[in-house]
Amino acid sequence: SHATLVEFLDKGRAGMASTFLTRLRVGGKLIDAKGVS
């Protein structure tokens, strides 16, 4: 998934701003796979 500002921009579309807000909404439930591994 997209986690950083550069990754959001690199997706190349305005809709990626929604993923930023969605991550804030899900909050502590969400863990990036790299951290889990």
PDB file of all heavy atoms in Angstrom:
ATOM      1  N   SER A   1       0.833  -1.208   0.000  1.00  0.00           N
ATOM      2  CA  SER A   1       0.000   0.000   0.000  1.00  0.00           C
ATOM      3  C   SER A   1       0.862   1.250   0.000  1.00  0.00           C
ATOM      4  O   SER A   1       2.073   1.203   0.202  1.00  0.00           O
ATOM      5  CB  SER A   1      -0.933   0.007   1.212  1.00  0.00           C
ATOM      6  OG  SER A   1      -0.187   0.098   2.399  1.00  0.00           O
ATOM      7  N   HIS A   2       0.221   2.396  -0.218  1.00  0.00           N
ATOM      8  CA  HIS A   2       0.915   3.678  -0.277  1.00  0.00           C
ATOM      9  C   HIS A   2       0.940   4.304   1.105  1.00  0.00           C
ATOM     10  O   HIS A   2      -0.095   4.441   1.752  1.00  0.00           O
ATOM     11  CB  HIS A   2       0.216   4.603  -1.272  1.00  0.00           C
ATOM     12  CG  HIS A   2       0.146   4.033  -2.651  1.00  0.00           C
ATOM     13  ND1 HIS A   2      -0.791   3.081  -3.007  1.00  0.00           N
ATOM     14  CD2 HIS A   2       0.905   4.241  -3.746  1.00  0.00           C
ATOM     15  CE1 HIS A   2      -0.607   2.746  -4.280  1.00  0.00           C
ATOM     16  NE2 HIS A   2       0.409   3.432  -4.747  1.00  0.00           N
ATOM     17  N   ALA A   3       2.143   4.682   1.551  1.00  0.00           N
ATOM     18  CA  ALA A   3       2.272   5.146   2.926  1.00  0.00           C
ATOM     19  C   ALA A   3       2.951   6.498   3.063  1.00  0.00           C
ATOM     20  O   ALA A   3       2.772   7.177   4.063  1.00  0.00           O
ATOM     21  CB  ALA A   3       3.048   4.114   3.745  1.00  0.00           C
ATOM     22  N   THR A   4       3.736   6.915   2.072  1.00  0.00           N
ATOM     23  CA  THR A   4       4.481   8.167   2.186  1.00  0.00           C
ATOM     24  C   THR A   4       3.983   9.172   1.156  1.00  0.00           C
ATOM     25  O   THR A   4       3.315   8.816   0.177  1.00  0.00           O
ATOM     26  CB  THR A   4       5.983   7.931   1.967  1.00  0.00           C
ATOM     27  OG1 THR A   4       6.205   7.569   0.592  1.00  0.00           O
ATOM     28  CG2 THR A   4       6.501   6.823   2.868  1.00  0.00           C
ATOM     29  N   LEU A   5       4.366  10.434   1.350  1.00  0.00           N
ATOM     30  CA  LEU A   5       3.940  11.494   0.436  1.00  0.00           C
ATOM     31  C   LEU A   5       4.446  11.241  -0.975  1.00  0.00           C
ATOM     32  O   LEU A   5       3.706  11.403  -1.952  1.00  0.00           O
ATOM     33  CB  LEU A   5       4.444  12.852   0.949  1.00  0.00           C
ATOM     34  CG  LEU A   5       4.083  14.061   0.080  1.00  0.00           C
ATOM     35  CD1 LEU A   5       2.568  14.215  -0.005  1.00  0.00           C
ATOM     36  CD2 LEU A   5       4.721  15.330   0.618  1.00  0.00           C
ATOM     37  N   VAL A   6       5.709  10.810  -1.086  1.00  0.00           N
ATOM     38  CA  VAL A   6       6.265  10.532  -2.414  1.00  0.00           C
ATOM     39  C   VAL A   6       5.500   9.408  -3.093  1.00  0.00           C
ATOM     40  O   VAL A   6       5.226   9.453  -4.291  1.00  0.00           O
ATOM     41  CB  VAL A   6       7.768  10.175  -2.304  1.00  0.00           C
ATOM     42  CG1 VAL A   6       8.306   9.690  -3.646  1.00  0.00           C
ATOM     43  CG2 VAL A   6       8.562  11.382  -1.831  1.00  0.00           C
ATOM     44  N   GLU A   7       5.104   8.390  -2.340  1.00  0.00           N
ATOM     45  CA  GLU A   7       4.336   7.281  -2.907  1.00  0.00           C
ATOM     46  C   GLU A   7       2.959   7.750  -3.349  1.00  0.00           C
ATOM     47  O   GLU A   7       2.444   7.319  -4.387  1.00  0.00           O
ATOM     48  CB  GLU A   7       4.217   6.152  -1.883  1.00  0.00           C
ATOM     49  CG  GLU A   7       5.539   5.423  -1.643  1.00  0.00           C
ATOM     50  CD  GLU A   7       5.441   4.407  -0.522  1.00  0.00           C
ATOM     51  OE1 GLU A   7       4.361   4.315   0.094  1.00  0.00           O
ATOM     52  OE2 GLU A   7       6.429   3.715  -0.251  1.00  0.00           O
ATOM     53  N   PHE A   8       2.316   8.624  -2.564  1.00  0.00           N
ATOM     54  CA  PHE A   8       1.017   9.165  -2.960  1.00  0.00           C
ATOM     55  C   PHE A   8       1.138   9.934  -4.273  1.00  0.00           C
ATOM     56  O   PHE A   8       0.347   9.746  -5.196  1.00  0.00           O
ATOM     57  CB  PHE A   8       0.467  10.099  -1.878  1.00  0.00           C
ATOM     58  CG  PHE A   8       0.032   9.395  -0.621  1.00  0.00           C
ATOM     59  CD1 PHE A   8       0.279   9.961   0.618  1.00  0.00           C
ATOM     60  CD2 PHE A   8      -0.620   8.187  -0.670  1.00  0.00           C
ATOM     61  CE1 PHE A   8      -0.123   9.333   1.791  1.00  0.00           C
ATOM     62  CE2 PHE A   8      -1.026   7.540   0.488  1.00  0.00           C
ATOM     63  CZ  PHE A   8      -0.784   8.116   1.715  1.00  0.00           C
ATOM     64  N   LEU A   9       2.146  10.799  -4.376  1.00  0.00           N
ATOM     65  CA  LEU A   9       2.341  11.585  -5.583  1.00  0.00           C
ATOM     66  C   LEU A   9       2.750  10.703  -6.755  1.00  0.00           C
ATOM     67  O   LEU A   9       2.356  10.938  -7.891  1.00  0.00           O
ATOM     68  CB  LEU A   9       3.402  12.663  -5.339  1.00  0.00           C
ATOM     69  CG  LEU A   9       3.038  13.756  -4.324  1.00  0.00           C
ATOM     70  CD1 LEU A   9       4.212  14.706  -4.143  1.00  0.00           C
ATOM     71  CD2 LEU A   9       1.795  14.525  -4.744  1.00  0.00           C
ATOM     72  N   ASP A  10       3.552   9.678  -6.478  1.00  0.00           N
ATOM     73  CA  ASP A  10       4.054   8.799  -7.527  1.00  0.00           C
ATOM     74  C   ASP A  10       2.937   7.988  -8.174  1.00  0.00           C
ATOM     75  O   ASP A  10       3.098   7.487  -9.283  1.00  0.00           O
ATOM     76  CB  ASP A  10       5.128   7.871  -6.961  1.00  0.00           C
ATOM     77  CG  ASP A  10       5.953   7.214  -8.060  1.00  0.00           C
ATOM     78  OD1 ASP A  10       6.290   7.913  -9.032  1.00  0.00           O
ATOM     79  OD2 ASP A  10       6.253   6.029  -7.946  1.00  0.00           O
ATOM     80  N   LYS A  11       1.827   7.836  -7.463  1.00  0.00           N
ATOM     81  CA  LYS A  11       0.674   7.160  -8.049  1.00  0.00           C
ATOM     82  C   LYS A  11       0.135   7.956  -9.223  1.00  0.00           C
ATOM     83  O   LYS A  11      -0.479   7.414 -10.134  1.00  0.00           O
ATOM     84  CB  LYS A  11      -0.412   6.973  -6.979  1.00  0.00           C
ATOM     85  CG  LYS A  11      -1.616   6.177  -7.446  1.00  0.00           C
ATOM     86  CD  LYS A  11      -1.267   4.741  -7.796  1.00  0.00           C
ATOM     87  CE  LYS A  11      -2.500   3.942  -8.178  1.00  0.00           C
ATOM     88  NZ  LYS A  11      -2.167   2.575  -8.582  1.00  0.00           N
ATOM     89  N   GLY A  12       0.378   9.264  -9.181  1.00  0.00           N
ATOM     90  CA  GLY A  12       0.096  10.091 -10.349  1.00  0.00           C
ATOM     91  C   GLY A  12      -1.341  10.484 -10.536  1.00  0.00           C
ATOM     92  O   GLY A  12      -1.769  10.784 -11.641  1.00  0.00           O
ATOM     93  N   ARG A  13      -2.141  10.488  -9.468  1.00  0.00           N
ATOM     94  CA  ARG A  13      -3.507  10.959  -9.631  1.00  0.00           C
ATOM     95  C   ARG A  13      -4.004  11.598  -8.350  1.00  0.00           C
ATOM     96  O   ARG A  13      -3.563  11.265  -7.250  1.00  0.00           O
ATOM     97  CB  ARG A  13      -4.448   9.828 -10.033  1.00  0.00           C
ATOM     98  CG  ARG A  13      -4.485   8.643  -9.083  1.00  0.00           C
ATOM     99  CD  ARG A  13      -5.445   7.597  -9.605  1.00  0.00           C
ATOM    100  NE  ARG A  13      -5.450   6.419  -8.770  1.00  0.00           N
ATOM    101  CZ  ARG A  13      -6.207   5.355  -9.016  1.00  0.00           C
ATOM    102  NH1 ARG A  13      -6.997   5.332 -10.051  1.00  0.00           N
ATOM    103  NH2 ARG A  13      -6.169   4.312  -8.217  1.00  0.00           N
ATOM    104  N   ALA A  14      -4.946  12.530  -8.515  1.00  0.00           N
ATOM    105  CA  ALA A  14      -5.427  13.301  -7.376  1.00  0.00           C
ATOM    106  C   ALA A  14      -6.124  12.429  -6.348  1.00  0.00           C
ATOM    107  O   ALA A  14      -6.138  12.737  -5.165  1.00  0.00           O
ATOM    108  CB  ALA A  14      -6.384  14.389  -7.871  1.00  0.00           C
ATOM    109  N   GLY A  15      -6.698  11.313  -6.800  1.00  0.00           N
ATOM    110  CA  GLY A  15      -7.461  10.465  -5.896  1.00  0.00           C
ATOM    111  C   GLY A  15      -6.661   9.882  -4.748  1.00  0.00           C
ATOM    112  O   GLY A  15      -7.229   9.417  -3.763  1.00  0.00           O
ATOM    113  N   MET A  16      -5.322   9.900  -4.864  1.00  0.00           N
ATOM    114  CA  MET A  16      -4.512   9.316  -3.803  1.00  0.00           C
ATOM    115  C   MET A  16      -4.616  10.107  -2.505  1.00  0.00           C
ATOM    116  O   MET A  16      -4.244   9.609  -1.445  1.00  0.00           O
ATOM    117  CB  MET A  16      -3.047   9.217  -4.244  1.00  0.00           C
ATOM    118  CG  MET A  16      -2.786   8.105  -5.243  1.00  0.00           C
ATOM    119  SD  MET A  16      -3.468   6.508  -4.762  1.00  0.00           S
ATOM    120  CE  MET A  16      -2.626   6.221  -3.221  1.00  0.00           C
ATOM    121  N   ALA A  17      -5.108  11.353  -2.559  1.00  0.00           N
ATOM    122  CA  ALA A  17      -5.308  12.117  -1.326  1.00  0.00           C
ATOM    123  C   ALA A  17      -6.295  11.403  -0.415  1.00  0.00           C
ATOM    124  O   ALA A  17      -6.218  11.508   0.815  1.00  0.00           O
ATOM    125  CB  ALA A  17      -5.817  13.522  -1.658  1.00  0.00           C
ATOM    126  N   SER A  18      -7.205  10.647  -1.001  1.00  0.00           N
ATOM    127  CA  SER A  18      -8.190   9.918  -0.207  1.00  0.00           C
ATOM    128  C   SER A  18      -7.530   8.841   0.643  1.00  0.00           C
ATOM    129  O   SER A  18      -7.980   8.548   1.756  1.00  0.00           O
ATOM    130  CB  SER A  18      -9.234   9.277  -1.127  1.00  0.00           C
ATOM    131  OG  SER A  18      -8.627   8.324  -1.986  1.00  0.00           O
ATOM    132  N   THR A  19      -6.461   8.231   0.135  1.00  0.00           N
ATOM    133  CA  THR A  19      -5.776   7.180   0.883  1.00  0.00           C
ATOM    134  C   THR A  19      -5.123   7.741   2.131  1.00  0.00           C
ATOM    135  O   THR A  19      -5.066   7.080   3.176  1.00  0.00           O
ATOM    136  CB  THR A  19      -4.727   6.483  -0.009  1.00  0.00           C
ATOM    137  OG1 THR A  19      -5.384   5.975  -1.174  1.00  0.00           O
ATOM    138  CG2 THR A  19      -4.055   5.339   0.715  1.00  0.00           C
ATOM    139  N   PHE A  20      -4.626   8.961   2.042  1.00  0.00           N
ATOM    140  CA  PHE A  20      -4.055   9.630   3.205  1.00  0.00           C
ATOM    141  C   PHE A  20      -5.103   9.764   4.307  1.00  0.00           C
ATOM    142  O   PHE A  20      -4.863   9.434   5.472  1.00  0.00           O
ATOM    143  CB  PHE A  20      -3.519  11.003   2.785  1.00  0.00           C
ATOM    144  CG  PHE A  20      -3.086  11.877   3.920  1.00  0.00           C
ATOM    145  CD1 PHE A  20      -1.959  11.576   4.659  1.00  0.00           C
ATOM    146  CD2 PHE A  20      -3.817  13.011   4.254  1.00  0.00           C
ATOM    147  CE1 PHE A  20      -1.553  12.384   5.707  1.00  0.00           C
ATOM    148  CE2 PHE A  20      -3.423  13.824   5.294  1.00  0.00           C
ATOM    149  CZ  PHE A  20      -2.293  13.507   6.028  1.00  0.00           C
ATOM    150  N   LEU A  21      -6.303  10.218   3.941  1.00  0.00           N
ATOM    151  CA  LEU A  21      -7.378  10.372   4.924  1.00  0.00           C
ATOM    152  C   LEU A  21      -7.869   9.022   5.433  1.00  0.00           C
ATOM    153  O   LEU A  21      -8.192   8.872   6.615  1.00  0.00           O
ATOM    154  CB  LEU A  21      -8.555  11.140   4.304  1.00  0.00           C
ATOM    155  CG  LEU A  21      -8.462  12.663   4.336  1.00  0.00           C
ATOM    156  CD1 LEU A  21      -9.659  13.268   3.636  1.00  0.00           C
ATOM    157  CD2 LEU A  21      -8.376  13.180   5.763  1.00  0.00           C
ATOM    158  N   THR A  22      -7.933   8.049   4.548  1.00  0.00           N
ATOM    159  CA  THR A  22      -8.390   6.720   4.956  1.00  0.00           C
ATOM    160  C   THR A  22      -7.454   6.122   5.995  1.00  0.00           C
ATOM    161  O   THR A  22      -7.884   5.504   6.965  1.00  0.00           O
ATOM    162  CB  THR A  22      -8.491   5.788   3.734  1.00  0.00           C
ATOM    163  OG1 THR A  22      -9.392   6.362   2.792  1.00  0.00           O
ATOM    164  CG2 THR A  22      -8.991   4.413   4.140  1.00  0.00           C
ATOM    165  N   ARG A  23      -6.160   6.312   5.810  1.00  0.00           N
ATOM    166  CA  ARG A  23      -5.195   5.825   6.793  1.00  0.00           C
ATOM    167  C   ARG A  23      -5.403   6.501   8.143  1.00  0.00           C
ATOM    168  O   ARG A  23      -5.282   5.853   9.192  1.00  0.00           O
ATOM    169  CB  ARG A  23      -3.770   6.071   6.294  1.00  0.00           C
ATOM    170  CG  ARG A  23      -3.321   5.049   5.252  1.00  0.00           C
ATOM    171  CD  ARG A  23      -1.911   5.328   4.772  1.00  0.00           C
ATOM    172  NE  ARG A  23      -1.375   4.126   4.133  1.00  0.00           N
ATOM    173  CZ  ARG A  23      -0.615   3.217   4.724  1.00  0.00           C
ATOM    174  NH1 ARG A  23      -0.295   3.364   5.994  1.00  0.00           N
ATOM    175  NH2 ARG A  23      -0.188   2.163   4.088  1.00  0.00           N
ATOM    176  N   LEU A  24      -5.714   7.785   8.125  1.00  0.00           N
ATOM    177  CA  LEU A  24      -6.000   8.478   9.379  1.00  0.00           C
ATOM    178  C   LEU A  24      -7.258   7.917  10.024  1.00  0.00           C
ATOM    179  O   LEU A  24      -7.338   7.764  11.251  1.00  0.00           O
ATOM    180  CB  LEU A  24      -6.173   9.980   9.121  1.00  0.00           C
ATOM    181  CG  LEU A  24      -4.923  10.759   8.717  1.00  0.00           C
ATOM    182  CD1 LEU A  24      -5.271  12.224   8.481  1.00  0.00           C
ATOM    183  CD2 LEU A  24      -3.835  10.652   9.782  1.00  0.00           C
ATOM    184  N   ARG A  25      -8.242   7.582   9.203  1.00  0.00           N
ATOM    185  CA  ARG A  25      -9.519   7.049   9.713  1.00  0.00           C
ATOM    186  C   ARG A  25      -9.327   5.684  10.367  1.00  0.00           C
ATOM    187  O   ARG A  25      -9.832   5.403  11.450  1.00  0.00           O
ATOM    188  CB  ARG A  25     -10.509   6.946   8.554  1.00  0.00           C
ATOM    189  CG  ARG A  25     -11.714   6.032   8.765  1.00  0.00           C
ATOM    190  CD  ARG A  25     -12.682   6.614   9.780  1.00  0.00           C
ATOM    191  NE  ARG A  25     -13.951   5.927   9.729  1.00  0.00           N
ATOM    192  CZ  ARG A  25     -14.228   4.759  10.294  1.00  0.00           C
ATOM    193  NH1 ARG A  25     -13.285   4.104  10.948  1.00  0.00           N
ATOM    194  NH2 ARG A  25     -15.431   4.238  10.192  1.00  0.00           N
ATOM    195  N   VAL A  26      -8.552   4.811   9.722  1.00  0.00           N
ATOM    196  CA  VAL A  26      -8.345   3.462  10.255  1.00  0.00           C
ATOM    197  C   VAL A  26      -7.460   3.501  11.499  1.00  0.00           C
ATOM    198  O   VAL A  26      -7.642   2.735  12.443  1.00  0.00           O
ATOM    199  CB  VAL A  26      -7.737   2.557   9.160  1.00  0.00           C
ATOM    200  CG1 VAL A  26      -7.412   1.188   9.716  1.00  0.00           C
ATOM    201  CG2 VAL A  26      -8.717   2.426   7.992  1.00  0.00           C
ATOM    202  N   GLY A  27      -6.483   4.416  11.491  1.00  0.00           N
ATOM    203  CA  GLY A  27      -5.681   4.666  12.687  1.00  0.00           C
ATOM    204  C   GLY A  27      -4.783   3.514  13.087  1.00  0.00           C
ATOM    205  O   GLY A  27      -4.120   2.888  12.267  1.00  0.00           O
ATOM    206  N   GLY A  28      -4.781   3.205  14.388  1.00  0.00           N
ATOM    207  CA  GLY A  28      -3.857   2.222  14.941  1.00  0.00           C
ATOM    208  C   GLY A  28      -4.092   0.803  14.494  1.00  0.00           C
ATOM    209  O   GLY A  28      -3.253  -0.067  14.727  1.00  0.00           O
ATOM    210  N   LYS A  29      -5.241   0.527  13.860  1.00  0.00           N
ATOM    211  CA  LYS A  29      -5.491  -0.821  13.349  1.00  0.00           C
ATOM    212  C   LYS A  29      -4.567  -1.174  12.183  1.00  0.00           C
ATOM    213  O   LYS A  29      -4.333  -2.344  11.899  1.00  0.00           O
ATOM    214  CB  LYS A  29      -6.932  -0.950  12.851  1.00  0.00           C
ATOM    215  CG  LYS A  29      -7.977  -1.156  13.915  1.00  0.00           C
ATOM    216  CD  LYS A  29      -9.305  -1.423  13.240  1.00  0.00           C
ATOM    217  CE  LYS A  29     -10.426  -1.634  14.247  1.00  0.00           C
ATOM    218  NZ  LYS A  29     -11.702  -1.935  13.571  1.00  0.00           N
ATOM    219  N   LEU A  30      -4.102  -0.148  11.484  1.00  0.00           N
ATOM    220  CA  LEU A  30      -3.366  -0.368  10.245  1.00  0.00           C
ATOM    221  C   LEU A  30      -1.871  -0.462  10.516  1.00  0.00           C
ATOM    222  O   LEU A  30      -1.281   0.424  11.120  1.00  0.00           O
ATOM    223  CB  LEU A  30      -3.654   0.776   9.268  1.00  0.00           C
ATOM    224  CG  LEU A  30      -3.022   0.652   7.886  1.00  0.00           C
ATOM    225  CD1 LEU A  30      -3.585  -0.551   7.143  1.00  0.00           C
ATOM    226  CD2 LEU A  30      -3.256   1.933   7.090  1.00  0.00           C
ATOM    227  N   ILE A  31      -1.270  -1.552  10.050  1.00  0.00           N
ATOM    228  CA  ILE A  31       0.164  -1.767  10.203  1.00  0.00           C
ATOM    229  C   ILE A  31       0.753  -2.089   8.843  1.00  0.00           C
ATOM    230  O   ILE A  31       0.239  -2.934   8.107  1.00  0.00           O
ATOM    231  CB  ILE A  31       0.458  -2.928  11.177  1.00  0.00           C
ATOM    232  CG1 ILE A  31      -0.113  -2.608  12.565  1.00  0.00           C
ATOM    233  CG2 ILE A  31       1.954  -3.187  11.278  1.00  0.00           C
ATOM    234  CD1 ILE A  31       0.092  -3.714  13.567  1.00  0.00           C
ATOM    235  N   ASP A  32       1.829  -1.381   8.505  1.00  0.00           N
ATOM    236  CA  ASP A  32       2.487  -1.635   7.236  1.00  0.00           C
ATOM    237  C   ASP A  32       3.233  -2.966   7.292  1.00  0.00           C
ATOM    238  O   ASP A  32       3.830  -3.316   8.305  1.00  0.00           O
ATOM    239  CB  ASP A  32       3.455  -0.502   6.926  1.00  0.00           C
ATOM    240  CG  ASP A  32       4.086  -0.659   5.565  1.00  0.00           C
ATOM    241  OD1 ASP A  32       3.395  -0.415   4.565  1.00  0.00           O
ATOM    242  OD2 ASP A  32       5.259  -1.054   5.501  1.00  0.00           O
ATOM    243  N   ALA A  33       3.198  -3.694   6.200  1.00  0.00           N
ATOM    244  CA  ALA A  33       3.791  -5.041   6.176  1.00  0.00           C
ATOM    245  C   ALA A  33       5.277  -5.024   6.485  1.00  0.00           C
ATOM    246  O   ALA A  33       5.803  -5.959   7.090  1.00  0.00           O
ATOM    247  CB  ALA A  33       3.555  -5.694   4.814  1.00  0.00           C
ATOM    248  N   LYS A  34       5.958  -3.968   6.078  1.00  0.00           N
ATOM    249  CA  LYS A  34       7.401  -3.940   6.329  1.00  0.00           C
ATOM    250  C   LYS A  34       7.679  -3.889   7.820  1.00  0.00           C
ATOM    251  O   LYS A  34       8.604  -4.509   8.319  1.00  0.00           O
ATOM    252  CB  LYS A  34       8.017  -2.731   5.636  1.00  0.00           C
ATOM    253  CG  LYS A  34       7.882  -2.772   4.123  1.00  0.00           C
ATOM    254  CD  LYS A  34       8.468  -1.522   3.496  1.00  0.00           C
ATOM    255  CE  LYS A  34       8.226  -1.514   1.988  1.00  0.00           C
ATOM    256  NZ  LYS A  34       6.804  -1.433   1.644  1.00  0.00           N
ATOM    257  N   GLY A  35       6.852  -3.166   8.552  1.00  0.00           N
ATOM    258  CA  GLY A  35       7.014  -3.126  10.006  1.00  0.00           C
ATOM    259  C   GLY A  35       6.708  -4.472  10.639  1.00  0.00           C
ATOM    260  O   GLY A  35       7.420  -4.915  11.548  1.00  0.00           O
ATOM    261  N   VAL A  36       5.684  -5.142  10.136  1.00  0.00           N
ATOM    262  CA  VAL A  36       5.314  -6.452  10.685  1.00  0.00           C
ATOM    263  C   VAL A  36       6.412  -7.469  10.414  1.00  0.00           C
ATOM    264  O   VAL A  36       6.781  -8.253  11.286  1.00  0.00           O
ATOM    265  CB  VAL A  36       3.983  -6.934  10.074  1.00  0.00           C
ATOM    266  CG1 VAL A  36       3.696  -8.373  10.484  1.00  0.00           C
ATOM    267  CG2 VAL A  36       2.851  -6.040  10.524  1.00  0.00           C
ATOM    268  N   SER A  37       6.981  -7.447   9.225  1.00  0.00           N
ATOM    269  CA  SER A  37       8.011  -8.443   8.883  1.00  0.00           C
ATOM    270  C   SER A  37       9.256  -8.255   9.736  1.00  0.00           C
ATOM    271  O   SER A  37       9.997  -9.193   9.978  1.00  0.00           O
ATOM    272  CB  SER A  37       8.366  -8.350   7.398  1.00  0.00           C
ATOM    273  OG  SER A  37       8.932  -7.090   7.097  1.00  0.00           O
TER     274      SER A  37
END
